[in-house]
Every structure is written in structure tokens, then in C-alpha cells.
PDB file of N, CA and C in Angstrom:
ATOM      1  N   MET A   1     -44.742  -6.013  83.345  1.00  0.00           N
ATOM      2  CA  MET A   1     -43.920  -6.729  82.388  1.00  0.00           C
ATOM      3  C   MET A   1     -42.757  -7.362  83.132  1.00  0.00           C
ATOM      4  N   GLY A   2     -42.289  -8.472  82.631  1.00  0.00           N
ATOM      5  CA  GLY A   2     -41.157  -9.109  83.267  1.00  0.00           C
ATOM      6  C   GLY A   2     -40.648 -10.259  82.440  1.00  0.00           C
ATOM      7  N   TRP A   3     -39.432 -10.652  82.748  1.00  0.00           N
ATOM      8  CA  TRP A   3     -38.805 -11.776  82.070  1.00  0.00           C
ATOM      9  C   TRP A   3     -38.876 -12.989  82.969  1.00  0.00           C
ATOM     10  N   ARG A   4     -39.018 -14.153  82.383  1.00  0.00           N
ATOM     11  CA  ARG A   4     -39.007 -15.412  83.113  1.00  0.00           C
ATOM     12  C   ARG A   4     -38.062 -16.360  82.388  1.00  0.00           C
ATOM     13  N   GLY A   5     -37.436 -17.254  83.121  1.00  0.00           N
ATOM     14  CA  GLY A   5     -36.511 -18.213  82.532  1.00  0.00           C
ATOM     15  C   GLY A   5     -35.081 -17.816  82.825  1.00  0.00           C
ATOM     16  N   GLY A   6     -34.160 -18.716  82.614  1.00  0.00           N
ATOM     17  CA  GLY A   6     -32.764 -18.455  82.922  1.00  0.00           C
ATOM     18  C   GLY A   6     -31.913 -18.385  81.679  1.00  0.00           C
ATOM     19  N   ALA A   7     -30.624 -18.171  81.890  1.00  0.00           N
ATOM     20  CA  ALA A   7     -29.684 -18.083  80.777  1.00  0.00           C
ATOM     21  C   ALA A   7     -29.710 -19.382  79.982  1.00  0.00           C
ATOM     22  N   GLY A   8     -29.726 -19.272  78.672  1.00  0.00           N
ATOM     23  CA  GLY A   8     -29.708 -20.432  77.806  1.00  0.00           C
ATOM     24  C   GLY A   8     -31.064 -21.109  77.645  1.00  0.00           C
ATOM     25  N   ARG A   9     -32.067 -20.630  78.330  1.00  0.00           N
ATOM     26  CA  ARG A   9     -33.411 -21.197  78.221  1.00  0.00           C
ATOM     27  C   ARG A   9     -34.301 -20.190  77.510  1.00  0.00           C
ATOM     28  N   SER A  10     -35.437 -20.692  77.071  1.00  0.00           N
ATOM     29  CA  SER A  10     -36.408 -19.784  76.481  1.00  0.00           C
ATOM     30  C   SER A  10     -36.886 -18.828  77.558  1.00  0.00           C
ATOM     31  N   ARG A  11     -37.085 -17.608  77.194  1.00  0.00           N
ATOM     32  CA  ARG A  11     -37.643 -16.632  78.114  1.00  0.00           C
ATOM     33  C   ARG A  11     -38.868 -16.053  77.460  1.00  0.00           C
ATOM     34  N   TRP A  12     -39.774 -15.584  78.259  1.00  0.00           N
ATOM     35  CA  TRP A  12     -40.947 -14.936  77.705  1.00  0.00           C
ATOM     36  C   TRP A  12     -41.082 -13.570  78.328  1.00  0.00           C
ATOM     37  N   ARG A  13     -41.763 -12.720  77.648  1.00  0.00           N
ATOM     38  CA  ARG A  13     -42.085 -11.419  78.205  1.00  0.00           C
ATOM     39  C   ARG A  13     -43.525 -11.125  77.892  1.00  0.00           C
ATOM     40  N   TRP A  14     -44.258 -10.801  78.904  1.00  0.00           N
ATOM     41  CA  TRP A  14     -45.645 -10.392  78.742  1.00  0.00           C
ATOM     42  C   TRP A  14     -45.609  -8.957  78.279  1.00  0.00           C
ATOM     43  N   ALA A  15     -46.056  -8.701  77.083  1.00  0.00           N
ATOM     44  CA  ALA A  15     -45.951  -7.377  76.471  1.00  0.00           C
ATOM     45  C   ALA A  15     -47.124  -6.498  76.896  1.00  0.00           C
ATOM     46  N   GLY A  16     -47.187  -6.204  78.160  1.00  0.00           N
ATOM     47  CA  GLY A  16     -48.244  -5.346  78.683  1.00  0.00           C
ATOM     48  C   GLY A  16     -49.439  -6.150  79.155  1.00  0.00           C
ATOM     49  N   ARG A  17     -50.159  -5.655  80.115  1.00  0.00           N
ATOM     50  CA  ARG A  17     -51.332  -6.370  80.622  1.00  0.00           C
ATOM     51  C   ARG A  17     -52.396  -6.486  79.546  1.00  0.00           C
ATOM     52  N   SER A  18     -52.608  -5.424  78.826  1.00  0.00           N
ATOM     53  CA  SER A  18     -53.510  -5.473  77.679  1.00  0.00           C
ATOM     54  C   SER A  18     -53.144  -4.335  76.748  1.00  0.00           C
ATOM     55  N   ARG A  19     -53.254  -4.576  75.492  1.00  0.00           N
ATOM     56  CA  ARG A  19     -52.969  -3.551  74.504  1.00  0.00           C
ATOM     57  C   ARG A  19     -54.049  -2.485  74.535  1.00  0.00           C
ATOM     58  N   ARG A  20     -55.257  -2.965  74.530  1.00  0.00           N
ATOM     59  CA  ARG A  20     -56.412  -2.074  74.568  1.00  0.00           C
ATOM     60  C   ARG A  20     -57.461  -2.716  75.457  1.00  0.00           C
ATOM     61  N   ALA A  21     -58.148  -1.895  76.194  1.00  0.00           N
ATOM     62  CA  ALA A  21     -59.228  -2.408  77.041  1.00  0.00           C
ATOM     63  C   ALA A  21     -60.400  -1.447  76.973  1.00  0.00           C
ATOM     64  N   TRP A  22     -61.558  -1.974  77.124  1.00  0.00           N
ATOM     65  CA  TRP A  22     -62.778  -1.187  77.156  1.00  0.00           C
ATOM     66  C   TRP A  22     -63.732  -1.894  78.105  1.00  0.00           C
ATOM     67  N   THR A  23     -64.825  -1.275  78.417  1.00  0.00           N
ATOM     68  CA  THR A  23     -65.788  -1.893  79.313  1.00  0.00           C
ATOM     69  C   THR A  23     -66.245  -3.218  78.726  1.00  0.00           C
ATOM     70  N   GLY A  24     -65.918  -4.298  79.408  1.00  0.00           N
ATOM     71  CA  GLY A  24     -66.355  -5.617  78.977  1.00  0.00           C
ATOM     72  C   GLY A  24     -65.446  -6.344  78.017  1.00  0.00           C
ATOM     73  N   GLY A  25     -64.272  -5.783  77.675  1.00  0.00           N
ATOM     74  CA  GLY A  25     -63.408  -6.485  76.732  1.00  0.00           C
ATOM     75  C   GLY A  25     -61.983  -5.968  76.709  1.00  0.00           C
ATOM     76  N   PHE A  26     -61.126  -6.696  75.994  1.00  0.00           N
ATOM     77  CA  PHE A  26     -59.714  -6.329  75.901  1.00  0.00           C
ATOM     78  C   PHE A  26     -59.065  -7.041  74.716  1.00  0.00           C
ATOM     79  N   VAL A  27     -57.921  -6.527  74.295  1.00  0.00           N
ATOM     80  CA  VAL A  27     -57.044  -7.178  73.323  1.00  0.00           C
ATOM     81  C   VAL A  27     -55.676  -7.264  73.989  1.00  0.00           C
ATOM     82  N   ALA A  28     -55.055  -8.434  73.961  1.00  0.00           N
ATOM     83  CA  ALA A  28     -53.766  -8.634  74.619  1.00  0.00           C
ATOM     84  C   ALA A  28     -52.755  -9.229  73.647  1.00  0.00           C
ATOM     85  N   THR A  29     -51.473  -8.960  73.904  1.00  0.00           N
ATOM     86  CA  THR A  29     -50.372  -9.492  73.112  1.00  0.00           C
ATOM     87  C   THR A  29     -49.368 -10.154  74.043  1.00  0.00           C
ATOM     88  N   VAL A  30     -48.890 -11.334  73.674  1.00  0.00           N
ATOM     89  CA  VAL A  30     -47.855 -12.033  74.437  1.00  0.00           C
ATOM     90  C   VAL A  30     -46.648 -12.211  73.524  1.00  0.00           C
ATOM     91  N   ARG A  31     -45.478 -11.861  74.022  1.00  0.00           N
ATOM     92  CA  ARG A  31     -44.238 -12.016  73.258  1.00  0.00           C
ATOM     93  C   ARG A  31     -43.426 -13.157  73.862  1.00  0.00           C
ATOM     94  N   VAL A  32     -43.005 -14.097  73.027  1.00  0.00           N
ATOM     95  CA  VAL A  32     -42.133 -15.197  73.437  1.00  0.00           C
ATOM     96  C   VAL A  32     -40.749 -14.885  72.882  1.00  0.00           C
ATOM     97  N   THR A  33     -39.748 -14.797  73.756  1.00  0.00           N
ATOM     98  CA  THR A  33     -38.392 -14.451  73.355  1.00  0.00           C
ATOM     99  C   THR A  33     -37.439 -15.576  73.731  1.00  0.00           C
ATOM    100  N   ALA A  34     -36.638 -16.024  72.772  1.00  0.00           N
ATOM    101  CA  ALA A  34     -35.626 -17.050  73.045  1.00  0.00           C
ATOM    102  C   ALA A  34     -34.482 -16.416  73.819  1.00  0.00           C
ATOM    103  N   GLY A  35     -33.879 -17.182  74.714  1.00  0.00           N
ATOM    104  CA  GLY A  35     -32.713 -16.715  75.458  1.00  0.00           C
ATOM    105  C   GLY A  35     -31.472 -16.789  74.582  1.00  0.00           C
ATOM    106  N   SER A  36     -30.390 -17.316  75.118  1.00  0.00           N
ATOM    107  CA  SER A  36     -29.133 -17.373  74.369  1.00  0.00           C
ATOM    108  C   SER A  36     -29.085 -18.538  73.379  1.00  0.00           C
ATOM    109  N   SER A  37     -30.098 -19.405  73.405  1.00  0.00           N
ATOM    110  CA  SER A  37     -30.191 -20.516  72.450  1.00  0.00           C
ATOM    111  C   SER A  37     -31.501 -20.430  71.683  1.00  0.00           C
ATOM    112  N   ALA A  38     -31.481 -20.863  70.435  1.00  0.00           N
ATOM    113  CA  ALA A  38     -32.702 -20.900  69.628  1.00  0.00           C
ATOM    114  C   ALA A  38     -33.660 -21.945  70.198  1.00  0.00           C
ATOM    115  N   ILE A  39     -34.948 -21.783  69.932  1.00  0.00           N
ATOM    116  CA  ILE A  39     -35.947 -22.765  70.339  1.00  0.00           C
ATOM    117  C   ILE A  39     -36.689 -23.255  69.103  1.00  0.00           C
ATOM    118  N   GLY A  40     -37.176 -24.497  69.163  1.00  0.00           N
ATOM    119  CA  GLY A  40     -37.865 -25.093  68.024  1.00  0.00           C
ATOM    120  C   GLY A  40     -39.369 -25.102  68.158  1.00  0.00           C
ATOM    121  N   SER A  41     -39.867 -24.878  69.363  1.00  0.00           N
ATOM    122  CA  SER A  41     -41.305 -24.790  69.610  1.00  0.00           C
ATOM    123  C   SER A  41     -41.506 -24.142  70.972  1.00  0.00           C
ATOM    124  N   TRP A  42     -42.717 -23.684  71.238  1.00  0.00           N
ATOM    125  CA  TRP A  42     -43.000 -23.055  72.526  1.00  0.00           C
ATOM    126  C   TRP A  42     -44.435 -23.310  72.959  1.00  0.00           C
ATOM    127  N   THR A  43     -44.652 -23.215  74.251  1.00  0.00           N
ATOM    128  CA  THR A  43     -45.965 -23.365  74.863  1.00  0.00           C
ATOM    129  C   THR A  43     -46.108 -22.303  75.941  1.00  0.00           C
ATOM    130  N   VAL A  44     -47.231 -21.630  75.959  1.00  0.00           N
ATOM    131  CA  VAL A  44     -47.533 -20.642  76.996  1.00  0.00           C
ATOM    132  C   VAL A  44     -48.813 -21.076  77.698  1.00  0.00           C
ATOM    133  N   THR A  45     -48.784 -21.087  79.019  1.00  0.00           N
ATOM    134  CA  THR A  45     -49.973 -21.357  79.816  1.00  0.00           C
ATOM    135  C   THR A  45     -50.422 -20.039  80.428  1.00  0.00           C
ATOM    136  N   LEU A  46     -51.677 -19.728  80.252  1.00  0.00           N
ATOM    137  CA  LEU A  46     -52.208 -18.447  80.701  1.00  0.00           C
ATOM    138  C   LEU A  46     -53.545 -18.694  81.389  1.00  0.00           C
ATOM    139  N   THR A  47     -53.651 -18.287  82.642  1.00  0.00           N
ATOM    140  CA  THR A  47     -54.906 -18.433  83.371  1.00  0.00           C
ATOM    141  C   THR A  47     -55.655 -17.113  83.329  1.00  0.00           C
ATOM    142  N   LEU A  48     -56.818 -17.147  82.729  1.00  0.00           N
ATOM    143  CA  LEU A  48     -57.643 -15.948  82.638  1.00  0.00           C
ATOM    144  C   LEU A  48     -58.392 -15.742  83.946  1.00  0.00           C
ATOM    145  N   PRO A  49     -58.593 -14.482  84.343  1.00  0.00           N
ATOM    146  CA  PRO A  49     -59.351 -14.226  85.560  1.00  0.00           C
ATOM    147  C   PRO A  49     -60.809 -14.659  85.410  1.00  0.00           C
ATOM    148  N   SER A  50     -61.459 -14.890  86.512  1.00  0.00           N
ATOM    149  CA  SER A  50     -62.866 -15.289  86.513  1.00  0.00           C
ATOM    150  C   SER A  50     -63.690 -14.315  85.685  1.00  0.00           C
ATOM    151  N   GLY A  51     -64.507 -14.842  84.802  1.00  0.00           N
ATOM    152  CA  GLY A  51     -65.370 -14.015  83.967  1.00  0.00           C
ATOM    153  C   GLY A  51     -64.773 -13.617  82.634  1.00  0.00           C
ATOM    154  N   ALA A  52     -63.459 -13.819  82.436  1.00  0.00           N
ATOM    155  CA  ALA A  52     -62.814 -13.479  81.165  1.00  0.00           C
ATOM    156  C   ALA A  52     -62.860 -14.685  80.227  1.00  0.00           C
ATOM    157  N   THR A  53     -63.115 -14.421  78.945  1.00  0.00           N
ATOM    158  CA  THR A  53     -63.213 -15.468  77.934  1.00  0.00           C
ATOM    159  C   THR A  53     -62.515 -15.012  76.660  1.00  0.00           C
ATOM    160  N   VAL A  54     -61.763 -15.904  76.014  1.00  0.00           N
ATOM    161  CA  VAL A  54     -61.137 -15.614  74.722  1.00  0.00           C
ATOM    162  C   VAL A  54     -62.208 -15.695  73.646  1.00  0.00           C
ATOM    163  N   THR A  55     -62.295 -14.650  72.819  1.00  0.00           N
ATOM    164  CA  THR A  55     -63.284 -14.632  71.744  1.00  0.00           C
ATOM    165  C   THR A  55     -62.645 -14.736  70.360  1.00  0.00           C
ATOM    166  N   ASN A  56     -61.350 -14.431  70.250  1.00  0.00           N
ATOM    167  CA  ASN A  56     -60.639 -14.486  68.977  1.00  0.00           C
ATOM    168  C   ASN A  56     -59.150 -14.544  69.293  1.00  0.00           C
ATOM    169  N   ALA A  57     -58.362 -15.211  68.444  1.00  0.00           N
ATOM    170  CA  ALA A  57     -56.919 -15.299  68.667  1.00  0.00           C
ATOM    171  C   ALA A  57     -56.191 -15.386  67.334  1.00  0.00           C
ATOM    172  N   TRP A  58     -54.905 -15.030  67.336  1.00  0.00           N
ATOM    173  CA  TRP A  58     -54.097 -15.085  66.124  1.00  0.00           C
ATOM    174  C   TRP A  58     -52.654 -15.454  66.474  1.00  0.00           C
ATOM    175  N   ASN A  59     -51.979 -16.081  65.539  1.00  0.00           N
ATOM    176  CA  ASN A  59     -50.572 -16.479  65.612  1.00  0.00           C
ATOM    177  C   ASN A  59     -50.263 -17.528  66.673  1.00  0.00           C
ATOM    178  N   ALA A  60     -51.262 -18.292  67.114  1.00  0.00           N
ATOM    179  CA  ALA A  60     -51.042 -19.399  68.059  1.00  0.00           C
ATOM    180  C   ALA A  60     -52.227 -20.353  68.004  1.00  0.00           C
ATOM    181  N   ASN A  61     -51.976 -21.609  68.345  1.00  0.00           N
ATOM    182  CA  ASN A  61     -53.048 -22.574  68.576  1.00  0.00           C
ATOM    183  C   ASN A  61     -53.403 -22.481  70.050  1.00  0.00           C
ATOM    184  N   ARG A  62     -54.673 -22.639  70.384  1.00  0.00           N
ATOM    185  CA  ARG A  62     -55.042 -22.560  71.792  1.00  0.00           C
ATOM    186  C   ARG A  62     -55.946 -23.704  72.192  1.00  0.00           C
ATOM    187  N   SER A  63     -55.860 -24.016  73.457  1.00  0.00           N
ATOM    188  CA  SER A  63     -56.716 -25.003  74.082  1.00  0.00           C
ATOM    189  C   SER A  63     -57.394 -24.295  75.249  1.00  0.00           C
ATOM    190  N   GLY A  64     -58.700 -24.188  75.202  1.00  0.00           N
ATOM    191  CA  GLY A  64     -59.459 -23.525  76.254  1.00  0.00           C
ATOM    192  C   GLY A  64     -59.805 -22.088  75.912  1.00  0.00           C
ATOM    193  N   ASP A  65     -60.975 -21.667  76.350  1.00  0.00           N
ATOM    194  CA  ASP A  65     -61.440 -20.296  76.131  1.00  0.00           C
ATOM    195  C   ASP A  65     -61.541 -19.493  77.418  1.00  0.00           C
ATOM    196  N   SER A  66     -61.505 -20.174  78.567  1.00  0.00           N
ATOM    197  CA  SER A  66     -61.599 -19.484  79.855  1.00  0.00           C
ATOM    198  C   SER A  66     -60.815 -20.281  80.891  1.00  0.00           C
ATOM    199  N   GLY A  67     -60.572 -19.668  82.032  1.00  0.00           N
ATOM    200  CA  GLY A  67     -59.775 -20.342  83.062  1.00  0.00           C
ATOM    201  C   GLY A  67     -58.365 -20.594  82.563  1.00  0.00           C
ATOM    202  N   ALA A  68     -57.860 -21.811  82.766  1.00  0.00           N
ATOM    203  CA  ALA A  68     -56.511 -22.164  82.313  1.00  0.00           C
ATOM    204  C   ALA A  68     -56.528 -22.413  80.807  1.00  0.00           C
ATOM    205  N   THR A  69     -55.763 -21.635  80.062  1.00  0.00           N
ATOM    206  CA  THR A  69     -55.658 -21.791  78.613  1.00  0.00           C
ATOM    207  C   THR A  69     -54.223 -22.167  78.262  1.00  0.00           C
ATOM    208  N   ARG A  70     -54.064 -22.899  77.169  1.00  0.00           N
ATOM    209  CA  ARG A  70     -52.740 -23.339  76.721  1.00  0.00           C
ATOM    210  C   ARG A  70     -52.561 -22.884  75.284  1.00  0.00           C
ATOM    211  N   TRP A  71     -51.446 -22.237  75.014  1.00  0.00           N
ATOM    212  CA  TRP A  71     -51.146 -21.672  73.702  1.00  0.00           C
ATOM    213  C   TRP A  71     -49.866 -22.308  73.180  1.00  0.00           C
ATOM    214  N   THR A  72     -49.878 -22.750  71.918  1.00  0.00           N
ATOM    215  CA  THR A  72     -48.688 -23.328  71.306  1.00  0.00           C
ATOM    216  C   THR A  72     -48.436 -22.653  69.963  1.00  0.00           C
ATOM    217  N   ASN A  73     -47.192 -22.757  69.520  1.00  0.00           N
ATOM    218  CA  ASN A  73     -46.830 -22.136  68.248  1.00  0.00           C
ATOM    219  C   ASN A  73     -47.610 -22.741  67.091  1.00  0.00           C
ATOM    220  N   VAL A  74     -47.738 -21.963  66.030  1.00  0.00           N
ATOM    221  CA  VAL A  74     -48.248 -22.461  64.758  1.00  0.00           C
ATOM    222  C   VAL A  74     -47.025 -22.775  63.891  1.00  0.00           C
ATOM    223  N   ALA A  75     -47.231 -23.369  62.723  1.00  0.00           N
ATOM    224  CA  ALA A  75     -46.127 -23.845  61.886  1.00  0.00           C
ATOM    225  C   ALA A  75     -45.092 -22.763  61.573  1.00  0.00           C
ATOM    226  N   TYR A  76     -45.522 -21.530  61.383  1.00  0.00           N
ATOM    227  CA  TYR A  76     -44.603 -20.489  60.927  1.00  0.00           C
ATOM    228  C   TYR A  76     -43.903 -19.715  62.043  1.00  0.00           C
ATOM    229  N   ASN A  77     -44.205 -19.958  63.333  1.00  0.00           N
ATOM    230  CA  ASN A  77     -43.533 -19.162  64.365  1.00  0.00           C
ATOM    231  C   ASN A  77     -42.984 -19.994  65.530  1.00  0.00           C
ATOM    232  N   GLY A  78     -42.804 -21.294  65.331  1.00  0.00           N
ATOM    233  CA  GLY A  78     -42.266 -22.141  66.396  1.00  0.00           C
ATOM    234  C   GLY A  78     -40.765 -22.015  66.561  1.00  0.00           C
ATOM    235  N   GLN A  79     -40.056 -21.851  65.456  1.00  0.00           N
ATOM    236  CA  GLN A  79     -38.608 -21.699  65.537  1.00  0.00           C
ATOM    237  C   GLN A  79     -38.279 -20.234  65.766  1.00  0.00           C
ATOM    238  N   VAL A  80     -37.625 -19.976  66.888  1.00  0.00           N
ATOM    239  CA  VAL A  80     -37.264 -18.611  67.264  1.00  0.00           C
ATOM    240  C   VAL A  80     -35.759 -18.600  67.514  1.00  0.00           C
ATOM    241  N   GLY A  81     -35.037 -17.777  66.766  1.00  0.00           N
ATOM    242  CA  GLY A  81     -33.585 -17.701  66.905  1.00  0.00           C
ATOM    243  C   GLY A  81     -33.163 -17.114  68.240  1.00  0.00           C
ATOM    244  N   ALA A  82     -31.928 -17.400  68.643  1.00  0.00           N
ATOM    245  CA  ALA A  82     -31.391 -16.868  69.896  1.00  0.00           C
ATOM    246  C   ALA A  82     -31.555 -15.351  69.933  1.00  0.00           C
ATOM    247  N   GLY A  83     -32.141 -14.861  71.006  1.00  0.00           N
ATOM    248  CA  GLY A  83     -32.346 -13.424  71.172  1.00  0.00           C
ATOM    249  C   GLY A  83     -33.500 -12.849  70.367  1.00  0.00           C
ATOM    250  N   GLN A  84     -34.165 -13.662  69.574  1.00  0.00           N
ATOM    251  CA  GLN A  84     -35.278 -13.200  68.747  1.00  0.00           C
ATOM    252  C   GLN A  84     -36.607 -13.479  69.451  1.00  0.00           C
ATOM    253  N   SER A  85     -37.682 -12.936  68.888  1.00  0.00           N
ATOM    254  CA  SER A  85     -38.987 -13.134  69.523  1.00  0.00           C
ATOM    255  C   SER A  85     -40.089 -13.294  68.488  1.00  0.00           C
ATOM    256  N   THR A  86     -41.209 -13.794  68.949  1.00  0.00           N
ATOM    257  CA  THR A  86     -42.431 -13.888  68.168  1.00  0.00           C
ATOM    258  C   THR A  86     -43.580 -13.498  69.082  1.00  0.00           C
ATOM    259  N   GLU A  87     -44.687 -13.095  68.511  1.00  0.00           N
ATOM    260  CA  GLU A  87     -45.829 -12.669  69.313  1.00  0.00           C
ATOM    261  C   GLU A  87     -47.102 -13.368  68.866  1.00  0.00           C
ATOM    262  N   PHE A  88     -48.028 -13.512  69.806  1.00  0.00           N
ATOM    263  CA  PHE A  88     -49.386 -13.913  69.482  1.00  0.00           C
ATOM    264  C   PHE A  88     -50.321 -13.017  70.266  1.00  0.00           C
ATOM    265  N   GLY A  89     -51.560 -12.980  69.830  1.00  0.00           N
ATOM    266  CA  GLY A  89     -52.502 -12.105  70.509  1.00  0.00           C
ATOM    267  C   GLY A  89     -53.884 -12.701  70.562  1.00  0.00           C
ATOM    268  N   PHE A  90     -54.714 -12.066  71.364  1.00  0.00           N
ATOM    269  CA  PHE A  90     -56.093 -12.518  71.468  1.00  0.00           C
ATOM    270  C   PHE A  90     -56.998 -11.400  71.946  1.00  0.00           C
ATOM    271  N   GLN A  91     -58.262 -11.551  71.594  1.00  0.00           N
ATOM    272  CA  GLN A  91     -59.313 -10.644  72.038  1.00  0.00           C
ATOM    273  C   GLN A  91     -60.150 -11.405  73.047  1.00  0.00           C
ATOM    274  N   GLY A  92     -60.605 -10.709  74.072  1.00  0.00           N
ATOM    275  CA  GLY A  92     -61.407 -11.381  75.081  1.00  0.00           C
ATOM    276  C   GLY A  92     -62.521 -10.514  75.603  1.00  0.00           C
ATOM    277  N   SER A  93     -63.468 -11.165  76.243  1.00  0.00           N
ATOM    278  CA  SER A  93     -64.519 -10.448  76.955  1.00  0.00           C
ATOM    279  C   SER A  93     -64.191 -10.528  78.436  1.00  0.00           C
ATOM    280  N   GLY A  94     -64.651  -9.571  79.207  1.00  0.00           N
ATOM    281  CA  GLY A  94     -64.318  -9.506  80.623  1.00  0.00           C
ATOM    282  C   GLY A  94     -63.146  -8.570  80.829  1.00  0.00           C
ATOM    283  N   THR A  95     -62.307  -8.861  81.827  1.00  0.00           N
ATOM    284  CA  THR A  95     -61.166  -8.006  82.130  1.00  0.00           C
ATOM    285  C   THR A  95     -59.869  -8.802  82.119  1.00  0.00           C
ATOM    286  N   ALA A  96     -58.765  -8.139  81.769  1.00  0.00           N
ATOM    287  CA  ALA A  96     -57.455  -8.791  81.717  1.00  0.00           C
ATOM    288  C   ALA A  96     -56.550  -8.286  82.828  1.00  0.00           C
ATOM    289  N   ALA A  97     -57.112  -7.789  83.896  1.00  0.00           N
ATOM    290  CA  ALA A  97     -56.332  -7.135  84.944  1.00  0.00           C
ATOM    291  C   ALA A  97     -55.281  -8.025  85.593  1.00  0.00           C
ATOM    292  N   SER A  98     -55.491  -9.330  85.646  1.00  0.00           N
ATOM    293  CA  SER A  98     -54.562 -10.178  86.397  1.00  0.00           C
ATOM    294  C   SER A  98     -53.971 -11.318  85.570  1.00  0.00           C
ATOM    295  N   LEU A  99     -53.674 -11.092  84.316  1.00  0.00           N
ATOM    296  CA  LEU A  99     -53.075 -12.135  83.479  1.00  0.00           C
ATOM    297  C   LEU A  99     -51.619 -12.366  83.885  1.00  0.00           C
ATOM    298  N   ALA A 100     -51.209 -13.623  83.987  1.00  0.00           N
ATOM    299  CA  ALA A 100     -49.839 -13.967  84.371  1.00  0.00           C
ATOM    300  C   ALA A 100     -49.403 -15.224  83.622  1.00  0.00           C
ATOM    301  N   PRO A 101     -48.855 -15.076  82.402  1.00  0.00           N
ATOM    302  CA  PRO A 101     -48.482 -16.252  81.618  1.00  0.00           C
ATOM    303  C   PRO A 101     -47.193 -16.919  82.097  1.00  0.00           C
ATOM    304  N   THR A 102     -47.054 -18.214  81.811  1.00  0.00           N
ATOM    305  CA  THR A 102     -45.795 -18.935  81.982  1.00  0.00           C
ATOM    306  C   THR A 102     -45.451 -19.561  80.637  1.00  0.00           C
ATOM    307  N   CYS A 103     -44.171 -19.786  80.390  1.00  0.00           N
ATOM    308  CA  CYS A 103     -43.731 -20.232  79.075  1.00  0.00           C
ATOM    309  C   CYS A 103     -42.733 -21.371  79.194  1.00  0.00           C
ATOM    310  N   ALA A 104     -42.768 -22.288  78.237  1.00  0.00           N
ATOM    311  CA  ALA A 104     -41.790 -23.376  78.171  1.00  0.00           C
ATOM    312  C   ALA A 104     -41.384 -23.590  76.724  1.00  0.00           C
ATOM    313  N   ALA A 105     -40.109 -23.890  76.499  1.00  0.00           N
ATOM    314  CA  ALA A 105     -39.613 -24.173  75.150  1.00  0.00           C
ATOM    315  C   ALA A 105     -39.579 -25.673  74.943  1.00  0.00           C
ATOM    316  N   GLY A 106     -39.816 -26.081  73.694  1.00  0.00           N
ATOM    317  CA  GLY A 106     -39.788 -27.506  73.387  1.00  0.00           C
ATOM    318  C   GLY A 106     -38.703 -27.841  72.425  1.00  0.00           C
TER     319      GLY A 106
END
């Protein structure tokens, strides 16, 4: 787990490598946290390891099911107040051992 971004910018925190994992699959959660300023939208880029595929997702729009994936807010969770957070999650096949998201505020 770790924080990315600087003071006054959106920060994100990867809320664990995976919530649950089993042979051949996993469920993961990503938390987007605003820094000292509110944000009006967010985008997370997440590269899945070779062989991993997204099979289901919630609380975000996504582009791509494998390799480089792009996640953006949905209508109800784009605005995040200063110091507040929102989460999205997904289920996948394969392994989530090396997930490393990056985040940008819009």
C-alpha cells in the first residue's frame, strides 16, 4: 500500500494487493483519495499482469479487460471532497500479485 501525489493534488491509495484471492482468480479494491483540495473527476490507470483479465467491475467505468486498463469515475463518485475517498472494485481471473495503479484528478 502507498500514497501517490503531492500536497494539494489528488492522491490515491491502493487498498491492498487483493481483497480475496484463490487459485485462478481474485477480487481487488482501489481507493481514490483527494488531497487537500476536492476533485471533480478521477482516472486510474492499472496494468494487469500477463494472464490476468477483468471479469466484473463496480463503481467505475473501464476501458480494457487485460494489460493496460483505464478506470474513470461514474456519475455518482467523481466529486470527492478534500481528504475524502471513494472506492471501486473488480473481479479478475489469473493473479493480482503485481498490480500497481496510477491516478490523476480531472
